[in-house]
Amino acid sequence: MQQPAIDTVSLYVNSDVELDLLVGPLDSHDGSRFSGYMSREHDGKLRLIHALSGRRSVYPWDLPRGPVLEIRTRESGRLWRVAYTNPDWRRRP
């Protein structure tokens, strides 16, 4: 992930704000979506976790390596809003 995207997701560490990351090549129409909640592990790494249920079967995963095209956020009961868009990427109609 590029630093501006890391700075954006860092704002939501250990919060109840859901994140939706769109990752893919800069020349792509769309990419892969990763959704979940941001947490910081004991080793300092940022990770996404799909649910905040606390169930034993819910595991965090590392952040994607590819360029982040867009980050959207959603607070409980609210609509999605765009928090970051890669300046080198333009969504095609």
N, C-alpha and C. Protein backbone atom coordinates (compact mmCIF):
# COMPACT_ATOMS: atom_id res chain seq x y z
N MET A 1 0.84 -1.18 0.00
CA MET A 1 0.00 0.00 0.00
C MET A 1 0.88 1.24 0.00
N GLN A 2 0.43 2.26 -0.68
CA GLN A 2 1.17 3.51 -0.71
C GLN A 2 0.90 4.31 0.57
N GLN A 3 1.84 5.17 0.94
CA GLN A 3 1.78 5.88 2.22
C GLN A 3 0.50 6.69 2.42
N PRO A 4 0.00 7.44 1.43
CA PRO A 4 -1.25 8.18 1.67
C PRO A 4 -2.43 7.26 2.03
N ALA A 5 -2.47 6.07 1.46
CA ALA A 5 -3.53 5.12 1.78
C ALA A 5 -3.34 4.58 3.21
N ILE A 6 -2.11 4.32 3.59
CA ILE A 6 -1.82 3.86 4.96
C ILE A 6 -2.22 4.94 5.96
N ASP A 7 -1.90 6.19 5.64
CA ASP A 7 -2.28 7.30 6.51
C ASP A 7 -3.79 7.37 6.68
N THR A 8 -4.53 7.12 5.60
CA THR A 8 -5.98 7.17 5.66
C THR A 8 -6.54 6.05 6.53
N VAL A 9 -6.11 4.82 6.31
CA VAL A 9 -6.66 3.70 7.10
C VAL A 9 -6.21 3.79 8.56
N SER A 10 -5.08 4.41 8.82
CA SER A 10 -4.59 4.56 10.19
C SER A 10 -5.54 5.38 11.05
N LEU A 11 -6.31 6.24 10.43
CA LEU A 11 -7.28 7.06 11.17
C LEU A 11 -8.38 6.22 11.80
N TYR A 12 -8.56 5.00 11.31
CA TYR A 12 -9.69 4.17 11.73
C TYR A 12 -9.26 2.94 12.53
N VAL A 13 -8.04 2.92 13.04
CA VAL A 13 -7.54 1.78 13.81
C VAL A 13 -8.38 1.62 15.08
N ASN A 14 -8.81 0.38 15.32
CA ASN A 14 -9.59 0.01 16.50
C ASN A 14 -10.87 0.82 16.67
N SER A 15 -11.47 1.23 15.56
CA SER A 15 -12.75 1.94 15.61
C SER A 15 -13.84 1.02 15.09
N ASP A 16 -15.08 1.48 15.17
CA ASP A 16 -16.19 0.69 14.63
C ASP A 16 -16.59 1.16 13.24
N VAL A 17 -15.68 1.88 12.57
CA VAL A 17 -15.91 2.34 11.20
C VAL A 17 -15.46 1.23 10.24
N GLU A 18 -16.37 0.81 9.37
CA GLU A 18 -16.05 -0.24 8.39
C GLU A 18 -15.34 0.38 7.19
N LEU A 19 -14.31 -0.30 6.71
CA LEU A 19 -13.53 0.17 5.56
C LEU A 19 -13.76 -0.74 4.36
N ASP A 20 -13.70 -0.15 3.19
CA ASP A 20 -13.81 -0.88 1.93
C ASP A 20 -12.65 -0.41 1.05
N LEU A 21 -11.68 -1.27 0.81
CA LEU A 21 -10.50 -0.92 0.01
C LEU A 21 -10.63 -1.52 -1.38
N LEU A 22 -10.45 -0.70 -2.39
CA LEU A 22 -10.43 -1.15 -3.78
C LEU A 22 -8.97 -1.14 -4.22
N VAL A 23 -8.45 -2.30 -4.59
CA VAL A 23 -7.04 -2.46 -4.92
C VAL A 23 -6.91 -3.02 -6.32
N GLY A 24 -5.99 -2.48 -7.11
CA GLY A 24 -5.77 -3.00 -8.45
C GLY A 24 -4.81 -2.13 -9.23
N PRO A 25 -4.50 -2.53 -10.47
CA PRO A 25 -3.61 -1.74 -11.31
C PRO A 25 -4.21 -0.36 -11.58
N LEU A 26 -3.37 0.64 -11.71
CA LEU A 26 -3.84 2.01 -11.93
C LEU A 26 -4.60 2.18 -13.23
N ASP A 27 -4.37 1.31 -14.21
CA ASP A 27 -5.07 1.44 -15.49
C ASP A 27 -6.32 0.56 -15.55
N SER A 28 -6.74 0.03 -14.41
CA SER A 28 -7.90 -0.86 -14.41
C SER A 28 -9.20 -0.10 -14.26
N HIS A 29 -10.27 -0.74 -14.71
CA HIS A 29 -11.63 -0.19 -14.57
C HIS A 29 -12.11 -0.38 -13.13
N ASP A 30 -11.78 -1.50 -12.56
CA ASP A 30 -12.16 -1.85 -11.20
C ASP A 30 -11.05 -2.73 -10.64
N GLY A 31 -11.21 -3.21 -9.43
CA GLY A 31 -10.17 -4.03 -8.84
C GLY A 31 -10.76 -5.02 -7.86
N SER A 32 -9.97 -5.44 -6.91
CA SER A 32 -10.43 -6.36 -5.87
C SER A 32 -10.81 -5.55 -4.64
N ARG A 33 -11.89 -5.96 -3.99
CA ARG A 33 -12.37 -5.25 -2.79
C ARG A 33 -12.02 -6.05 -1.54
N PHE A 34 -11.56 -5.32 -0.53
CA PHE A 34 -11.29 -5.87 0.79
C PHE A 34 -12.09 -5.03 1.78
N SER A 35 -12.96 -5.65 2.54
CA SER A 35 -13.78 -4.91 3.49
C SER A 35 -13.57 -5.44 4.89
N GLY A 36 -13.62 -4.53 5.85
CA GLY A 36 -13.49 -4.94 7.24
C GLY A 36 -13.15 -3.77 8.13
N TYR A 37 -12.61 -4.10 9.28
CA TYR A 37 -12.27 -3.11 10.30
C TYR A 37 -10.77 -3.12 10.53
N MET A 38 -10.20 -1.95 10.74
CA MET A 38 -8.75 -1.83 10.87
C MET A 38 -8.34 -2.08 12.32
N SER A 39 -7.27 -2.86 12.48
CA SER A 39 -6.70 -3.09 13.81
C SER A 39 -5.19 -3.04 13.70
N ARG A 40 -4.55 -2.79 14.84
CA ARG A 40 -3.09 -2.82 14.90
C ARG A 40 -2.71 -3.99 15.79
N GLU A 41 -1.93 -4.88 15.25
CA GLU A 41 -1.52 -6.07 15.99
C GLU A 41 -0.44 -5.73 17.01
N HIS A 42 -0.11 -6.67 17.86
CA HIS A 42 0.92 -6.46 18.88
C HIS A 42 2.28 -6.15 18.29
N ASP A 43 2.51 -6.63 17.07
CA ASP A 43 3.79 -6.37 16.40
C ASP A 43 3.79 -5.02 15.67
N GLY A 44 2.69 -4.27 15.76
CA GLY A 44 2.60 -2.95 15.13
C GLY A 44 2.05 -2.95 13.72
N LYS A 45 1.80 -4.14 13.15
CA LYS A 45 1.28 -4.21 11.78
C LYS A 45 -0.20 -3.86 11.75
N LEU A 46 -0.59 -3.14 10.71
CA LEU A 46 -2.00 -2.86 10.47
C LEU A 46 -2.62 -4.06 9.77
N ARG A 47 -3.81 -4.45 10.22
CA ARG A 47 -4.50 -5.58 9.62
C ARG A 47 -5.98 -5.28 9.52
N LEU A 48 -6.63 -5.93 8.57
CA LEU A 48 -8.08 -5.86 8.42
C LEU A 48 -8.69 -7.09 9.06
N ILE A 49 -9.84 -6.90 9.70
CA ILE A 49 -10.58 -8.04 10.22
C ILE A 49 -12.01 -7.89 9.72
N HIS A 50 -12.59 -8.99 9.26
CA HIS A 50 -13.89 -8.92 8.60
C HIS A 50 -15.03 -8.55 9.55
N ALA A 51 -14.98 -9.03 10.78
CA ALA A 51 -16.09 -8.80 11.72
C ALA A 51 -15.55 -8.47 13.10
N LEU A 52 -16.33 -7.73 13.85
CA LEU A 52 -15.94 -7.37 15.21
C LEU A 52 -16.66 -8.23 16.25
N SER A 53 -17.10 -9.39 15.84
CA SER A 53 -17.91 -10.24 16.71
C SER A 53 -17.12 -10.84 17.87
N GLY A 54 -15.80 -10.94 17.72
CA GLY A 54 -14.99 -11.58 18.75
C GLY A 54 -14.98 -13.09 18.67
N ARG A 55 -15.64 -13.66 17.66
CA ARG A 55 -15.64 -15.11 17.50
C ARG A 55 -14.22 -15.60 17.23
N ARG A 56 -13.96 -16.82 17.65
CA ARG A 56 -12.62 -17.40 17.45
C ARG A 56 -12.33 -17.67 15.98
N SER A 57 -13.34 -17.80 15.15
CA SER A 57 -13.14 -18.16 13.74
C SER A 57 -12.91 -16.93 12.84
N VAL A 58 -12.83 -15.74 13.43
CA VAL A 58 -12.61 -14.52 12.65
C VAL A 58 -11.16 -14.10 12.82
N TYR A 59 -10.39 -14.14 11.72
CA TYR A 59 -8.97 -13.86 11.78
C TYR A 59 -8.63 -12.60 10.98
N PRO A 60 -7.69 -11.80 11.45
CA PRO A 60 -7.26 -10.62 10.68
C PRO A 60 -6.36 -11.04 9.52
N TRP A 61 -6.30 -10.20 8.48
CA TRP A 61 -5.39 -10.47 7.38
C TRP A 61 -4.58 -9.22 7.09
N ASP A 62 -3.40 -9.44 6.50
CA ASP A 62 -2.51 -8.34 6.15
C ASP A 62 -3.15 -7.44 5.11
N LEU A 63 -2.72 -6.20 5.09
CA LEU A 63 -3.20 -5.27 4.08
C LEU A 63 -2.70 -5.69 2.71
N PRO A 64 -3.47 -5.44 1.66
CA PRO A 64 -3.04 -5.82 0.31
C PRO A 64 -1.81 -5.02 -0.11
N ARG A 65 -0.99 -5.62 -0.97
CA ARG A 65 0.25 -4.98 -1.42
C ARG A 65 0.05 -4.05 -2.60
N GLY A 66 -0.94 -4.34 -3.42
CA GLY A 66 -1.14 -3.57 -4.65
C GLY A 66 -1.53 -2.14 -4.40
N PRO A 67 -1.53 -1.34 -5.45
CA PRO A 67 -1.94 0.05 -5.31
C PRO A 67 -3.40 0.14 -4.87
N VAL A 68 -3.66 0.97 -3.88
CA VAL A 68 -5.04 1.21 -3.45
C VAL A 68 -5.62 2.27 -4.37
N LEU A 69 -6.74 1.94 -5.00
CA LEU A 69 -7.39 2.86 -5.91
C LEU A 69 -8.36 3.77 -5.16
N GLU A 70 -9.05 3.19 -4.17
CA GLU A 70 -10.05 3.96 -3.45
C GLU A 70 -10.28 3.34 -2.08
N ILE A 71 -10.55 4.18 -1.09
CA ILE A 71 -10.93 3.72 0.25
C ILE A 71 -12.26 4.39 0.59
N ARG A 72 -13.23 3.56 0.95
CA ARG A 72 -14.51 4.09 1.41
C ARG A 72 -14.69 3.71 2.87
N THR A 73 -15.44 4.53 3.60
CA THR A 73 -15.72 4.27 5.00
C THR A 73 -17.22 4.29 5.23
N ARG A 74 -17.64 3.56 6.27
CA ARG A 74 -19.06 3.59 6.65
C ARG A 74 -19.17 3.44 8.16
N GLU A 75 -19.75 4.46 8.76
CA GLU A 75 -20.06 4.38 10.18
C GLU A 75 -21.39 3.66 10.33
N SER A 76 -21.62 3.08 11.48
CA SER A 76 -22.83 2.31 11.73
C SER A 76 -24.08 3.13 11.38
N GLY A 77 -24.92 2.54 10.54
CA GLY A 77 -26.17 3.18 10.16
C GLY A 77 -26.05 4.28 9.12
N ARG A 78 -24.87 4.47 8.57
CA ARG A 78 -24.64 5.53 7.58
C ARG A 78 -24.36 4.94 6.21
N LEU A 79 -24.33 5.81 5.20
CA LEU A 79 -23.96 5.40 3.85
C LEU A 79 -22.45 5.42 3.69
N TRP A 80 -21.95 4.70 2.67
CA TRP A 80 -20.52 4.72 2.37
C TRP A 80 -20.11 6.12 1.92
N ARG A 81 -18.90 6.55 2.28
CA ARG A 81 -18.34 7.80 1.77
C ARG A 81 -16.89 7.54 1.38
N VAL A 82 -16.43 8.23 0.35
CA VAL A 82 -15.07 8.06 -0.14
C VAL A 82 -14.12 8.86 0.77
N ALA A 83 -13.14 8.16 1.33
CA ALA A 83 -12.16 8.79 2.21
C ALA A 83 -10.84 9.05 1.48
N TYR A 84 -10.58 8.29 0.41
CA TYR A 84 -9.32 8.43 -0.33
C TYR A 84 -9.53 7.90 -1.74
N THR A 85 -8.97 8.61 -2.70
CA THR A 85 -8.90 8.14 -4.08
C THR A 85 -7.49 8.38 -4.57
N ASN A 86 -6.90 7.35 -5.16
CA ASN A 86 -5.55 7.47 -5.69
C ASN A 86 -5.55 8.55 -6.78
N PRO A 87 -4.67 9.56 -6.67
CA PRO A 87 -4.68 10.64 -7.65
C PRO A 87 -4.29 10.21 -9.07
N ASP A 88 -3.65 9.04 -9.21
CA ASP A 88 -3.24 8.54 -10.52
C ASP A 88 -4.27 7.62 -11.16
N TRP A 89 -5.42 7.43 -10.50
CA TRP A 89 -6.46 6.52 -11.00
C TRP A 89 -7.75 7.29 -11.23
N ARG A 90 -8.40 6.99 -12.33
CA ARG A 90 -9.69 7.58 -12.63
C ARG A 90 -10.68 6.46 -12.93
N ARG A 91 -11.80 6.47 -12.22
CA ARG A 91 -12.84 5.47 -12.47
C ARG A 91 -13.44 5.73 -13.85
N ARG A 92 -13.52 4.69 -14.63
CA ARG A 92 -14.10 4.82 -15.98
C ARG A 92 -15.60 4.65 -15.89
N PRO A 93 -16.35 5.36 -16.74
CA PRO A 93 -17.82 5.22 -16.69
C PRO A 93 -18.29 3.86 -17.16
